[in-house]
């Protein structure tokens, strides 16, 4: 498969600590594969600038409130993490799968994700 620049986009409801944790997960997944990380961007608007991340990912704030009743969300906000990688499509899919499984591992009972996400 040819190597191309591909973008991994994750909608997150995160504070600075949660964002740093998520970027670390992505970096670990990239290091474990034949891929090169080109750029990491945290955006507050979607491509084209017509829709904000607050509008697009507002459901993540609701998810966090549901999973953490009565807790203050602090400085969490809906953002989009965009990671540009040079890799094959197969590698991109493997990285994406690894990141999503690590962010919120499957469990046998209901649980709360550390950082609510949308991909």
PDB file of N, CA and C in Angstrom:
ATOM      1  N   UNK A   1       0.843  -1.186   0.000  1.00  0.00           N
ATOM      2  CA  UNK A   1       0.000   0.000   0.000  1.00  0.00           C
ATOM      3  C   UNK A   1       0.886   1.246   0.000  1.00  0.00           C
ATOM      4  N   UNK A   2       0.495   2.245  -0.743  1.00  0.00           N
ATOM      5  CA  UNK A   2       1.332   3.443  -0.824  1.00  0.00           C
ATOM      6  C   UNK A   2       1.271   4.276   0.454  1.00  0.00           C
ATOM      7  N   UNK A   3       2.395   4.916   0.742  1.00  0.00           N
ATOM      8  CA  UNK A   3       2.442   5.834   1.871  1.00  0.00           C
ATOM      9  C   UNK A   3       1.904   7.176   1.409  1.00  0.00           C
ATOM     10  N   UNK A   4       0.994   7.714   2.192  1.00  0.00           N
ATOM     11  CA  UNK A   4       0.403   9.023   1.897  1.00  0.00           C
ATOM     12  C   UNK A   4       0.229   9.766   3.197  1.00  0.00           C
ATOM     13  N   UNK A   5      -0.007  11.052   3.102  1.00  0.00           N
ATOM     14  CA  UNK A   5      -0.341  11.825   4.294  1.00  0.00           C
ATOM     15  C   UNK A   5      -1.821  11.618   4.572  1.00  0.00           C
ATOM     16  N   UNK A   6      -2.100  11.167   5.769  1.00  0.00           N
ATOM     17  CA  UNK A   6      -3.473  10.878   6.190  1.00  0.00           C
ATOM     18  C   UNK A   6      -3.734  11.610   7.492  1.00  0.00           C
ATOM     19  N   UNK A   7      -4.987  11.931   7.739  1.00  0.00           N
ATOM     20  CA  UNK A   7      -5.343  12.678   8.942  1.00  0.00           C
ATOM     21  C   UNK A   7      -6.217  11.836   9.852  1.00  0.00           C
ATOM     22  N   UNK A   8      -5.836  11.804  11.100  1.00  0.00           N
ATOM     23  CA  UNK A   8      -6.635  11.188  12.147  1.00  0.00           C
ATOM     24  C   UNK A   8      -7.329  12.333  12.870  1.00  0.00           C
ATOM     25  N   UNK A   9      -8.663  12.332  12.862  1.00  0.00           N
ATOM     26  CA  UNK A   9      -9.437  13.407  13.492  1.00  0.00           C
ATOM     27  C   UNK A   9     -10.236  12.816  14.648  1.00  0.00           C
ATOM     28  N   UNK A  10     -10.073  13.409  15.825  1.00  0.00           N
ATOM     29  CA  UNK A  10     -10.796  12.970  17.012  1.00  0.00           C
ATOM     30  C   UNK A  10     -11.492  14.159  17.660  1.00  0.00           C
ATOM     31  N   UNK A  11     -12.800  14.073  17.817  1.00  0.00           N
ATOM     32  CA  UNK A  11     -13.516  15.056  18.606  1.00  0.00           C
ATOM     33  C   UNK A  11     -13.351  14.668  20.066  1.00  0.00           C
ATOM     34  N   UNK A  12     -12.967  15.613  20.896  1.00  0.00           N
ATOM     35  CA  UNK A  12     -12.698  15.334  22.303  1.00  0.00           C
ATOM     36  C   UNK A  12     -13.409  16.347  23.195  1.00  0.00           C
ATOM     37  N   UNK A  13     -13.745  15.916  24.390  1.00  0.00           N
ATOM     38  CA  UNK A  13     -14.192  16.841  25.431  1.00  0.00           C
ATOM     39  C   UNK A  13     -13.121  16.760  26.502  1.00  0.00           C
ATOM     40  N   UNK A  14     -12.152  17.674  26.419  1.00  0.00           N
ATOM     41  CA  UNK A  14     -10.947  17.524  27.230  1.00  0.00           C
ATOM     42  C   UNK A  14     -10.466  18.853  27.784  1.00  0.00           C
ATOM     43  N   UNK A  15      -9.762  18.750  28.904  1.00  0.00           N
ATOM     44  CA  UNK A  15      -8.998  19.871  29.435  1.00  0.00           C
ATOM     45  C   UNK A  15      -7.556  19.671  28.955  1.00  0.00           C
ATOM     46  N   UNK A  16      -6.638  20.523  29.388  1.00  0.00           N
ATOM     47  CA  UNK A  16      -5.248  20.443  28.925  1.00  0.00           C
ATOM     48  C   UNK A  16      -4.627  19.087  29.275  1.00  0.00           C
ATOM     49  N   UNK A  17      -4.906  18.584  30.448  1.00  0.00           N
ATOM     50  CA  UNK A  17      -4.353  17.304  30.879  1.00  0.00           C
ATOM     51  C   UNK A  17      -4.896  16.149  30.028  1.00  0.00           C
ATOM     52  N   UNK A  18      -6.202  16.146  29.777  1.00  0.00           N
ATOM     53  CA  UNK A  18      -6.811  15.102  28.952  1.00  0.00           C
ATOM     54  C   UNK A  18      -6.319  15.162  27.517  1.00  0.00           C
ATOM     55  N   UNK A  19      -6.116  16.359  27.015  1.00  0.00           N
ATOM     56  CA  UNK A  19      -5.607  16.536  25.658  1.00  0.00           C
ATOM     57  C   UNK A  19      -4.168  16.016  25.561  1.00  0.00           C
ATOM     58  N   UNK A  20      -3.366  16.346  26.538  1.00  0.00           N
ATOM     59  CA  UNK A  20      -1.977  15.878  26.577  1.00  0.00           C
ATOM     60  C   UNK A  20      -1.935  14.342  26.646  1.00  0.00           C
ATOM     61  N   UNK A  21      -2.807  13.756  27.450  1.00  0.00           N
ATOM     62  CA  UNK A  21      -2.890  12.298  27.579  1.00  0.00           C
ATOM     63  C   UNK A  21      -3.251  11.670  26.233  1.00  0.00           C
ATOM     64  N   UNK A  22      -4.235  12.247  25.545  1.00  0.00           N
ATOM     65  CA  UNK A  22      -4.670  11.717  24.255  1.00  0.00           C
ATOM     66  C   UNK A  22      -3.568  11.838  23.208  1.00  0.00           C
ATOM     67  N   UNK A  23      -2.893  12.968  23.151  1.00  0.00           N
ATOM     68  CA  UNK A  23      -1.781  13.140  22.209  1.00  0.00           C
ATOM     69  C   UNK A  23      -0.704  12.090  22.493  1.00  0.00           C
ATOM     70  N   UNK A  24      -0.441  11.824  23.760  1.00  0.00           N
ATOM     71  CA  UNK A  24       0.531  10.798  24.129  1.00  0.00           C
ATOM     72  C   UNK A  24       0.126   9.417  23.629  1.00  0.00           C
ATOM     73  N   UNK A  25      -1.172   9.101  23.712  1.00  0.00           N
ATOM     74  CA  UNK A  25      -1.659   7.816  23.196  1.00  0.00           C
ATOM     75  C   UNK A  25      -1.416   7.710  21.693  1.00  0.00           C
ATOM     76  N   UNK A  26      -1.701   8.797  20.997  1.00  0.00           N
ATOM     77  CA  UNK A  26      -1.489   8.810  19.541  1.00  0.00           C
ATOM     78  C   UNK A  26      -0.003   8.627  19.236  1.00  0.00           C
ATOM     79  N   UNK A  27       0.843   9.372  19.925  1.00  0.00           N
ATOM     80  CA  UNK A  27       2.283   9.277  19.678  1.00  0.00           C
ATOM     81  C   UNK A  27       2.794   7.864  19.951  1.00  0.00           C
ATOM     82  N   UNK A  28       2.328   7.230  21.014  1.00  0.00           N
ATOM     83  CA  UNK A  28       2.724   5.851  21.323  1.00  0.00           C
ATOM     84  C   UNK A  28       2.283   4.897  20.211  1.00  0.00           C
ATOM     85  N   UNK A  29       1.060   5.065  19.724  1.00  0.00           N
ATOM     86  CA  UNK A  29       0.543   4.198  18.656  1.00  0.00           C
ATOM     87  C   UNK A  29       1.324   4.404  17.361  1.00  0.00           C
ATOM     88  N   UNK A  30       1.718   5.635  17.073  1.00  0.00           N
ATOM     89  CA  UNK A  30       2.489   5.923  15.868  1.00  0.00           C
ATOM     90  C   UNK A  30       3.882   5.296  15.975  1.00  0.00           C
ATOM     91  N   UNK A  31       4.510   5.423  17.137  1.00  0.00           N
ATOM     92  CA  UNK A  31       5.845   4.850  17.333  1.00  0.00           C
ATOM     93  C   UNK A  31       5.844   3.322  17.162  1.00  0.00           C
ATOM     94  N   UNK A  32       4.727   2.693  17.509  1.00  0.00           N
ATOM     95  CA  UNK A  32       4.630   1.238  17.431  1.00  0.00           C
ATOM     96  C   UNK A  32       4.404   0.734  16.004  1.00  0.00           C
ATOM     97  N   UNK A  33       4.187   1.631  15.065  1.00  0.00           N
ATOM     98  CA  UNK A  33       3.891   1.268  13.672  1.00  0.00           C
ATOM     99  C   UNK A  33       4.883   1.933  12.721  1.00  0.00           C
ATOM    100  N   UNK A  34       4.791   1.562  11.481  1.00  0.00           N
ATOM    101  CA  UNK A  34       5.610   2.187  10.446  1.00  0.00           C
ATOM    102  C   UNK A  34       4.872   3.428   9.960  1.00  0.00           C
ATOM    103  N   UNK A  35       5.002   4.493  10.723  1.00  0.00           N
ATOM    104  CA  UNK A  35       4.326   5.746  10.392  1.00  0.00           C
ATOM    105  C   UNK A  35       5.191   6.905  10.865  1.00  0.00           C
ATOM    106  N   UNK A  36       4.951   8.051  10.271  1.00  0.00           N
ATOM    107  CA  UNK A  36       5.658   9.275  10.679  1.00  0.00           C
ATOM    108  C   UNK A  36       4.630  10.334  11.002  1.00  0.00           C
ATOM    109  N   UNK A  37       4.722  10.890  12.195  1.00  0.00           N
ATOM    110  CA  UNK A  37       3.822  11.959  12.618  1.00  0.00           C
ATOM    111  C   UNK A  37       4.337  13.262  12.016  1.00  0.00           C
ATOM    112  N   UNK A  38       3.484  13.937  11.264  1.00  0.00           N
ATOM    113  CA  UNK A  38       3.870  15.170  10.575  1.00  0.00           C
ATOM    114  C   UNK A  38       3.456  16.401  11.365  1.00  0.00           C
ATOM    115  N   UNK A  39       2.236  16.374  11.914  1.00  0.00           N
ATOM    116  CA  UNK A  39       1.697  17.570  12.560  1.00  0.00           C
ATOM    117  C   UNK A  39       0.564  17.188  13.497  1.00  0.00           C
ATOM    118  N   UNK A  40       0.453  17.909  14.595  1.00  0.00           N
ATOM    119  CA  UNK A  40      -0.663  17.754  15.532  1.00  0.00           C
ATOM    120  C   UNK A  40      -1.269  19.129  15.758  1.00  0.00           C
ATOM    121  N   UNK A  41      -2.586  19.227  15.561  1.00  0.00           N
ATOM    122  CA  UNK A  41      -3.290  20.495  15.711  1.00  0.00           C
ATOM    123  C   UNK A  41      -4.515  20.296  16.590  1.00  0.00           C
ATOM    124  N   UNK A  42      -4.789  21.255  17.445  1.00  0.00           N
ATOM    125  CA  UNK A  42      -6.021  21.281  18.219  1.00  0.00           C
ATOM    126  C   UNK A  42      -6.875  22.406  17.638  1.00  0.00           C
ATOM    127  N   UNK A  43      -8.044  22.033  17.120  1.00  0.00           N
ATOM    128  CA  UNK A  43      -8.887  23.009  16.429  1.00  0.00           C
ATOM    129  C   UNK A  43     -10.165  23.287  17.209  1.00  0.00           C
ATOM    130  N   UNK A  44     -10.680  24.502  17.032  1.00  0.00           N
ATOM    131  CA  UNK A  44     -11.950  24.906  17.633  1.00  0.00           C
ATOM    132  C   UNK A  44     -13.039  25.122  16.585  1.00  0.00           C
ATOM    133  N   UNK A  45     -12.649  24.964  15.319  1.00  0.00           N
ATOM    134  CA  UNK A  45     -13.623  25.005  14.217  1.00  0.00           C
ATOM    135  C   UNK A  45     -13.318  23.843  13.288  1.00  0.00           C
ATOM    136  N   UNK A  46     -14.330  23.394  12.584  1.00  0.00           N
ATOM    137  CA  UNK A  46     -14.154  22.316  11.620  1.00  0.00           C
ATOM    138  C   UNK A  46     -13.617  22.896  10.319  1.00  0.00           C
ATOM    139  N   UNK A  47     -13.055  22.047   9.456  1.00  0.00           N
ATOM    140  CA  UNK A  47     -12.553  22.562   8.179  1.00  0.00           C
ATOM    141  C   UNK A  47     -13.629  23.379   7.467  1.00  0.00           C
ATOM    142  N   UNK A  48     -13.235  24.502   6.940  1.00  0.00           N
ATOM    143  CA  UNK A  48     -14.174  25.413   6.288  1.00  0.00           C
ATOM    144  C   UNK A  48     -14.606  26.534   7.216  1.00  0.00           C
ATOM    145  N   UNK A  49     -14.434  26.350   8.521  1.00  0.00           N
ATOM    146  CA  UNK A  49     -14.718  27.391   9.497  1.00  0.00           C
ATOM    147  C   UNK A  49     -16.174  27.726   9.732  1.00  0.00           C
ATOM    148  N   UNK A  50     -17.090  26.960   9.173  1.00  0.00           N
ATOM    149  CA  UNK A  50     -18.509  27.264   9.318  1.00  0.00           C
ATOM    150  C   UNK A  50     -19.094  26.741  10.626  1.00  0.00           C
ATOM    151  N   UNK A  51     -18.547  25.638  11.129  1.00  0.00           N
ATOM    152  CA  UNK A  51     -19.094  24.990  12.325  1.00  0.00           C
ATOM    153  C   UNK A  51     -18.005  24.920  13.387  1.00  0.00           C
ATOM    154  N   UNK A  52     -18.353  25.273  14.612  1.00  0.00           N
ATOM    155  CA  UNK A  52     -17.391  25.196  15.704  1.00  0.00           C
ATOM    156  C   UNK A  52     -17.388  23.783  16.288  1.00  0.00           C
ATOM    157  N   UNK A  53     -16.310  23.462  16.959  1.00  0.00           N
ATOM    158  CA  UNK A  53     -16.239  22.161  17.621  1.00  0.00           C
ATOM    159  C   UNK A  53     -17.251  22.093  18.763  1.00  0.00           C
ATOM    160  N   UNK A  54     -17.565  23.225  19.368  1.00  0.00           N
ATOM    161  CA  UNK A  54     -18.574  23.247  20.432  1.00  0.00           C
ATOM    162  C   UNK A  54     -19.931  22.821  19.887  1.00  0.00           C
ATOM    163  N   UNK A  55     -20.241  23.220  18.645  1.00  0.00           N
ATOM    164  CA  UNK A  55     -21.505  22.819  18.010  1.00  0.00           C
ATOM    165  C   UNK A  55     -21.461  21.361  17.561  1.00  0.00           C
ATOM    166  N   UNK A  56     -20.359  20.964  16.959  1.00  0.00           N
ATOM    167  CA  UNK A  56     -20.247  19.623  16.396  1.00  0.00           C
ATOM    168  C   UNK A  56     -20.194  18.539  17.470  1.00  0.00           C
ATOM    169  N   UNK A  57     -19.461  18.809  18.541  1.00  0.00           N
ATOM    170  CA  UNK A  57     -19.211  17.788  19.552  1.00  0.00           C
ATOM    171  C   UNK A  57     -19.889  18.092  20.887  1.00  0.00           C
ATOM    172  N   UNK A  58     -20.992  18.840  20.856  1.00  0.00           N
ATOM    173  CA  UNK A  58     -21.689  19.187  22.098  1.00  0.00           C
ATOM    174  C   UNK A  58     -22.186  17.956  22.854  1.00  0.00           C
ATOM    175  N   UNK A  59     -22.435  16.874  22.149  1.00  0.00           N
ATOM    176  CA  UNK A  59     -22.901  15.646  22.785  1.00  0.00           C
ATOM    177  C   UNK A  59     -21.838  15.081  23.739  1.00  0.00           C
ATOM    178  N   UNK A  60     -20.572  15.404  23.503  1.00  0.00           N
ATOM    179  CA  UNK A  60     -19.508  14.908  24.380  1.00  0.00           C
ATOM    180  C   UNK A  60     -19.584  15.539  25.767  1.00  0.00           C
ATOM    181  N   UNK A  61     -19.977  16.797  25.834  1.00  0.00           N
ATOM    182  CA  UNK A  61     -20.164  17.445  27.136  1.00  0.00           C
ATOM    183  C   UNK A  61     -21.321  16.783  27.877  1.00  0.00           C
ATOM    184  N   UNK A  62     -22.376  16.449  27.139  1.00  0.00           N
ATOM    185  CA  UNK A  62     -23.508  15.744  27.747  1.00  0.00           C
ATOM    186  C   UNK A  62     -23.085  14.364  28.232  1.00  0.00           C
ATOM    187  N   UNK A  63     -22.274  13.677  27.441  1.00  0.00           N
ATOM    188  CA  UNK A  63     -21.785  12.356  27.840  1.00  0.00           C
ATOM    189  C   UNK A  63     -20.980  12.456  29.130  1.00  0.00           C
ATOM    190  N   UNK A  64     -20.085  13.438  29.202  1.00  0.00           N
ATOM    191  CA  UNK A  64     -19.249  13.591  30.390  1.00  0.00           C
ATOM    192  C   UNK A  64     -20.128  13.876  31.616  1.00  0.00           C
ATOM    193  N   UNK A  65     -21.109  14.756  31.460  1.00  0.00           N
ATOM    194  CA  UNK A  65     -22.003  15.087  32.578  1.00  0.00           C
ATOM    195  C   UNK A  65     -22.781  13.849  33.029  1.00  0.00           C
ATOM    196  N   UNK A  66     -23.201  13.014  32.083  1.00  0.00           N
ATOM    197  CA  UNK A  66     -23.942  11.791  32.410  1.00  0.00           C
ATOM    198  C   UNK A  66     -23.051  10.804  33.166  1.00  0.00           C
ATOM    199  N   UNK A  67     -21.802  10.679  32.728  1.00  0.00           N
ATOM    200  CA  UNK A  67     -20.877   9.726  33.335  1.00  0.00           C
ATOM    201  C   UNK A  67     -20.257  10.229  34.633  1.00  0.00           C
ATOM    202  N   UNK A  68     -20.332  11.530  34.882  1.00  0.00           N
ATOM    203  CA  UNK A  68     -19.733  12.141  36.079  1.00  0.00           C
ATOM    204  C   UNK A  68     -20.754  13.042  36.769  1.00  0.00           C
ATOM    205  N   UNK A  69     -21.878  12.487  37.215  1.00  0.00           N
ATOM    206  CA  UNK A  69     -22.945  13.328  37.789  1.00  0.00           C
ATOM    207  C   UNK A  69     -22.454  14.159  38.978  1.00  0.00           C
ATOM    208  N   UNK A  70     -22.823  15.433  38.925  1.00  0.00           N
ATOM    209  CA  UNK A  70     -22.502  16.341  40.020  1.00  0.00           C
ATOM    210  C   UNK A  70     -21.075  16.857  40.029  1.00  0.00           C
ATOM    211  N   UNK A  71     -20.227  16.394  39.108  1.00  0.00           N
ATOM    212  CA  UNK A  71     -18.842  16.857  39.079  1.00  0.00           C
ATOM    213  C   UNK A  71     -18.707  18.077  38.173  1.00  0.00           C
ATOM    214  N   UNK A  72     -17.833  18.972  38.573  1.00  0.00           N
ATOM    215  CA  UNK A  72     -17.552  20.169  37.788  1.00  0.00           C
ATOM    216  C   UNK A  72     -16.674  19.782  36.589  1.00  0.00           C
ATOM    217  N   UNK A  73     -17.049  20.168  35.374  1.00  0.00           N
ATOM    218  CA  UNK A  73     -16.224  19.815  34.215  1.00  0.00           C
ATOM    219  C   UNK A  73     -14.906  20.589  34.149  1.00  0.00           C
ATOM    220  N   UNK A  74     -14.751  21.576  35.002  1.00  0.00           N
ATOM    221  CA  UNK A  74     -13.508  22.353  35.003  1.00  0.00           C
ATOM    222  C   UNK A  74     -13.318  23.085  33.694  1.00  0.00           C
ATOM    223  N   UNK A  75     -12.145  22.933  33.111  1.00  0.00           N
ATOM    224  CA  UNK A  75     -11.821  23.649  31.882  1.00  0.00           C
ATOM    225  C   UNK A  75     -12.020  22.787  30.626  1.00  0.00           C
ATOM    226  N   UNK A  76     -12.709  21.674  30.762  1.00  0.00           N
ATOM    227  CA  UNK A  76     -12.949  20.825  29.589  1.00  0.00           C
ATOM    228  C   UNK A  76     -13.759  21.591  28.548  1.00  0.00           C
ATOM    229  N   UNK A  77     -13.447  21.312  27.293  1.00  0.00           N
ATOM    230  CA  UNK A  77     -14.183  21.921  26.194  1.00  0.00           C
ATOM    231  C   UNK A  77     -14.131  20.992  24.987  1.00  0.00           C
ATOM    232  N   UNK A  78     -15.115  21.098  24.094  1.00  0.00           N
ATOM    233  CA  UNK A  78     -15.078  20.298  22.872  1.00  0.00           C
ATOM    234  C   UNK A  78     -14.037  20.853  21.904  1.00  0.00           C
ATOM    235  N   UNK A  79     -13.127  19.996  21.486  1.00  0.00           N
ATOM    236  CA  UNK A  79     -12.094  20.367  20.515  1.00  0.00           C
ATOM    237  C   UNK A  79     -11.947  19.220  19.514  1.00  0.00           C
ATOM    238  N   UNK A  80     -11.244  19.500  18.436  1.00  0.00           N
ATOM    239  CA  UNK A  80     -10.913  18.438  17.502  1.00  0.00           C
ATOM    240  C   UNK A  80      -9.400  18.317  17.428  1.00  0.00           C
ATOM    241  N   UNK A  81      -8.918  17.127  17.723  1.00  0.00           N
ATOM    242  CA  UNK A  81      -7.492  16.833  17.601  1.00  0.00           C
ATOM    243  C   UNK A  81      -7.272  16.287  16.193  1.00  0.00           C
ATOM    244  N   UNK A  82      -6.394  16.951  15.451  1.00  0.00           N
ATOM    245  CA  UNK A  82      -6.066  16.519  14.086  1.00  0.00           C
ATOM    246  C   UNK A  82      -4.595  16.135  14.049  1.00  0.00           C
ATOM    247  N   UNK A  83      -4.366  14.902  13.674  1.00  0.00           N
ATOM    248  CA  UNK A  83      -3.002  14.392  13.608  1.00  0.00           C
ATOM    249  C   UNK A  83      -2.735  13.957  12.175  1.00  0.00           C
ATOM    250  N   UNK A  84      -1.741  14.563  11.555  1.00  0.00           N
ATOM    251  CA  UNK A  84      -1.369  14.183  10.187  1.00  0.00           C
ATOM    252  C   UNK A  84      -0.223  13.187  10.256  1.00  0.00           C
ATOM    253  N   UNK A  85      -0.403  12.077   9.530  1.00  0.00           N
ATOM    254  CA  UNK A  85       0.559  10.982   9.532  1.00  0.00           C
ATOM    255  C   UNK A  85       0.943  10.634   8.097  1.00  0.00           C
ATOM    256  N   UNK A  86       2.155  10.179   7.910  1.00  0.00           N
ATOM    257  CA  UNK A  86       2.556   9.591   6.638  1.00  0.00           C
ATOM    258  C   UNK A  86       2.618   8.095   6.878  1.00  0.00           C
ATOM    259  N   UNK A  87       1.717   7.368   6.192  1.00  0.00           N
ATOM    260  CA  UNK A  87       1.622   5.926   6.390  1.00  0.00           C
ATOM    261  C   UNK A  87       0.688   5.326   5.351  1.00  0.00           C
ATOM    262  N   UNK A  88       0.610   4.021   5.349  1.00  0.00           N
ATOM    263  CA  UNK A  88      -0.349   3.336   4.484  1.00  0.00           C
ATOM    264  C   UNK A  88      -1.732   3.414   5.120  1.00  0.00           C
ATOM    265  N   UNK A  89      -2.746   3.112   4.341  1.00  0.00           N
ATOM    266  CA  UNK A  89      -4.105   3.093   4.872  1.00  0.00           C
ATOM    267  C   UNK A  89      -4.237   2.036   5.958  1.00  0.00           C
ATOM    268  N   UNK A  90      -3.640   0.887   5.745  1.00  0.00           N
ATOM    269  CA  UNK A  90      -3.689  -0.189   6.748  1.00  0.00           C
ATOM    270  C   UNK A  90      -3.080   0.269   8.076  1.00  0.00           C
ATOM    271  N   UNK A  91      -1.944   0.947   8.005  1.00  0.00           N
ATOM    272  CA  UNK A  91      -1.293   1.448   9.225  1.00  0.00           C
ATOM    273  C   UNK A  91      -2.146   2.516   9.887  1.00  0.00           C
ATOM    274  N   UNK A  92      -2.718   3.418   9.095  1.00  0.00           N
ATOM    275  CA  UNK A  92      -3.596   4.456   9.650  1.00  0.00           C
ATOM    276  C   UNK A  92      -4.754   3.809  10.407  1.00  0.00           C
ATOM    277  N   UNK A  93      -5.364   2.797   9.810  1.00  0.00           N
ATOM    278  CA  UNK A  93      -6.479   2.113  10.476  1.00  0.00           C
ATOM    279  C   UNK A  93      -6.027   1.439  11.762  1.00  0.00           C
ATOM    280  N   UNK A  94      -4.859   0.828  11.757  1.00  0.00           N
ATOM    281  CA  UNK A  94      -4.347   0.166  12.960  1.00  0.00           C
ATOM    282  C   UNK A  94      -4.070   1.183  14.067  1.00  0.00           C
ATOM    283  N   UNK A  95      -3.502   2.323  13.698  1.00  0.00           N
ATOM    284  CA  UNK A  95      -3.232   3.379  14.684  1.00  0.00           C
ATOM    285  C   UNK A  95      -4.543   3.890  15.264  1.00  0.00           C
ATOM    286  N   UNK A  96      -5.500   4.156  14.413  1.00  0.00           N
ATOM    287  CA  UNK A  96      -6.812   4.653  14.855  1.00  0.00           C
ATOM    288  C   UNK A  96      -7.474   3.666  15.809  1.00  0.00           C
ATOM    289  N   UNK A  97      -7.463   2.386  15.455  1.00  0.00           N
ATOM    290  CA  UNK A  97      -8.064   1.356  16.302  1.00  0.00           C
ATOM    291  C   UNK A  97      -7.364   1.292  17.653  1.00  0.00           C
ATOM    292  N   UNK A  98      -6.048   1.320  17.648  1.00  0.00           N
ATOM    293  CA  UNK A  98      -5.282   1.275  18.895  1.00  0.00           C
ATOM    294  C   UNK A  98      -5.607   2.460  19.785  1.00  0.00           C
ATOM    295  N   UNK A  99      -5.638   3.651  19.201  1.00  0.00           N
ATOM    296  CA  UNK A  99      -5.922   4.856  19.986  1.00  0.00           C
ATOM    297  C   UNK A  99      -7.315   4.779  20.605  1.00  0.00           C
ATOM    298  N   UNK A 100      -8.318   4.422  19.820  1.00  0.00           N
ATOM    299  CA  UNK A 100      -9.686   4.389  20.328  1.00  0.00           C
ATOM    300  C   UNK A 100      -9.862   3.316  21.405  1.00  0.00           C
ATOM    301  N   UNK A 101      -9.249   2.169  21.219  1.00  0.00           N
ATOM    302  CA  UNK A 101      -9.348   1.111  22.243  1.00  0.00           C
ATOM    303  C   UNK A 101      -8.635   1.502  23.523  1.00  0.00           C
ATOM    304  N   UNK A 102      -7.541   2.238  23.398  1.00  0.00           N
ATOM    305  CA  UNK A 102      -6.792   2.661  24.579  1.00  0.00           C
ATOM    306  C   UNK A 102      -7.513   3.793  25.314  1.00  0.00           C
ATOM    307  N   UNK A 103      -8.176   4.678  24.557  1.00  0.00           N
ATOM    308  CA  UNK A 103      -8.880   5.796  25.177  1.00  0.00           C
ATOM    309  C   UNK A 103     -10.019   5.309  26.061  1.00  0.00           C
ATOM    310  N   UNK A 104     -10.678   4.273  25.633  1.00  0.00           N
ATOM    311  CA  UNK A 104     -11.835   3.783  26.386  1.00  0.00           C
ATOM    312  C   UNK A 104     -11.919   2.272  26.182  1.00  0.00           C
ATOM    313  N   UNK A 105     -11.122   1.524  26.948  1.00  0.00           N
ATOM    314  CA  UNK A 105     -11.076   0.081  26.744  1.00  0.00           C
ATOM    315  C   UNK A 105     -12.440  -0.572  26.972  1.00  0.00           C
ATOM    316  N   UNK A 106     -12.739  -1.624  26.199  1.00  0.00           N
ATOM    317  CA  UNK A 106     -14.010  -2.317  26.387  1.00  0.00           C
ATOM    318  C   UNK A 106     -14.085  -2.919  27.791  1.00  0.00           C
ATOM    319  N   UNK A 107     -15.253  -2.895  28.341  1.00  0.00           N
ATOM    320  CA  UNK A 107     -15.460  -3.461  29.677  1.00  0.00           C
ATOM    321  C   UNK A 107     -16.741  -4.279  29.664  1.00  0.00           C
ATOM    322  N   UNK A 108     -16.891  -5.099  30.677  1.00  0.00           N
ATOM    323  CA  UNK A 108     -18.089  -5.925  30.753  1.00  0.00           C
ATOM    324  C   UNK A 108     -19.237  -5.191  31.417  1.00  0.00           C
ATOM    325  N   UNK A 109     -18.949  -4.060  31.993  1.00  0.00           N
ATOM    326  CA  UNK A 109     -19.999  -3.274  32.638  1.00  0.00           C
ATOM    327  C   UNK A 109     -19.872  -1.820  32.196  1.00  0.00           C
ATOM    328  N   UNK A 110     -20.917  -1.036  32.363  1.00  0.00           N
ATOM    329  CA  UNK A 110     -20.825   0.379  31.973  1.00  0.00           C
ATOM    330  C   UNK A 110     -19.676   1.062  32.714  1.00  0.00           C
ATOM    331  N   UNK A 111     -18.997   1.924  32.011  1.00  0.00           N
ATOM    332  CA  UNK A 111     -17.873   2.648  32.590  1.00  0.00           C
ATOM    333  C   UNK A 111     -17.755   4.014  31.941  1.00  0.00           C
ATOM    334  N   UNK A 112     -16.923   4.842  32.491  1.00  0.00           N
ATOM    335  CA  UNK A 112     -16.741   6.196  31.979  1.00  0.00           C
ATOM    336  C   UNK A 112     -15.378   6.305  31.300  1.00  0.00           C
ATOM    337  N   UNK A 113     -15.364   6.909  30.123  1.00  0.00           N
ATOM    338  CA  UNK A 113     -14.110   7.159  29.425  1.00  0.00           C
ATOM    339  C   UNK A 113     -13.425   8.347  30.090  1.00  0.00           C
ATOM    340  N   UNK A 114     -12.109   8.284  30.184  1.00  0.00           N
ATOM    341  CA  UNK A 114     -11.360   9.384  30.783  1.00  0.00           C
ATOM    342  C   UNK A 114     -11.579  10.672  29.989  1.00  0.00           C
ATOM    343  N   UNK A 115     -11.553  10.551  28.668  1.00  0.00           N
ATOM    344  CA  UNK A 115     -11.799  11.684  27.784  1.00  0.00           C
ATOM    345  C   UNK A 115     -12.875  11.246  26.793  1.00  0.00           C
ATOM    346  N   UNK A 116     -14.098  11.773  26.889  1.00  0.00           N
ATOM    347  CA  UNK A 116     -15.112  11.421  25.890  1.00  0.00           C
ATOM    348  C   UNK A 116     -14.619  11.792  24.506  1.00  0.00           C
ATOM    349  N   UNK A 117     -14.915  10.942  23.531  1.00  0.00           N
ATOM    350  CA  UNK A 117     -14.397  11.146  22.179  1.00  0.00           C
ATOM    351  C   UNK A 117     -15.440  10.789  21.135  1.00  0.00           C
ATOM    352  N   UNK A 118     -15.169  11.284  19.937  1.00  0.00           N
ATOM    353  CA  UNK A 118     -15.999  10.992  18.764  1.00  0.00           C
ATOM    354  C   UNK A 118     -15.041  10.896  17.586  1.00  0.00           C
ATOM    355  N   UNK A 119     -15.139   9.817  16.825  1.00  0.00           N
ATOM    356  CA  UNK A 119     -14.213   9.657  15.689  1.00  0.00           C
ATOM    357  C   UNK A 119     -14.983   9.276  14.452  1.00  0.00           C
TER     358      UNK A 119
END
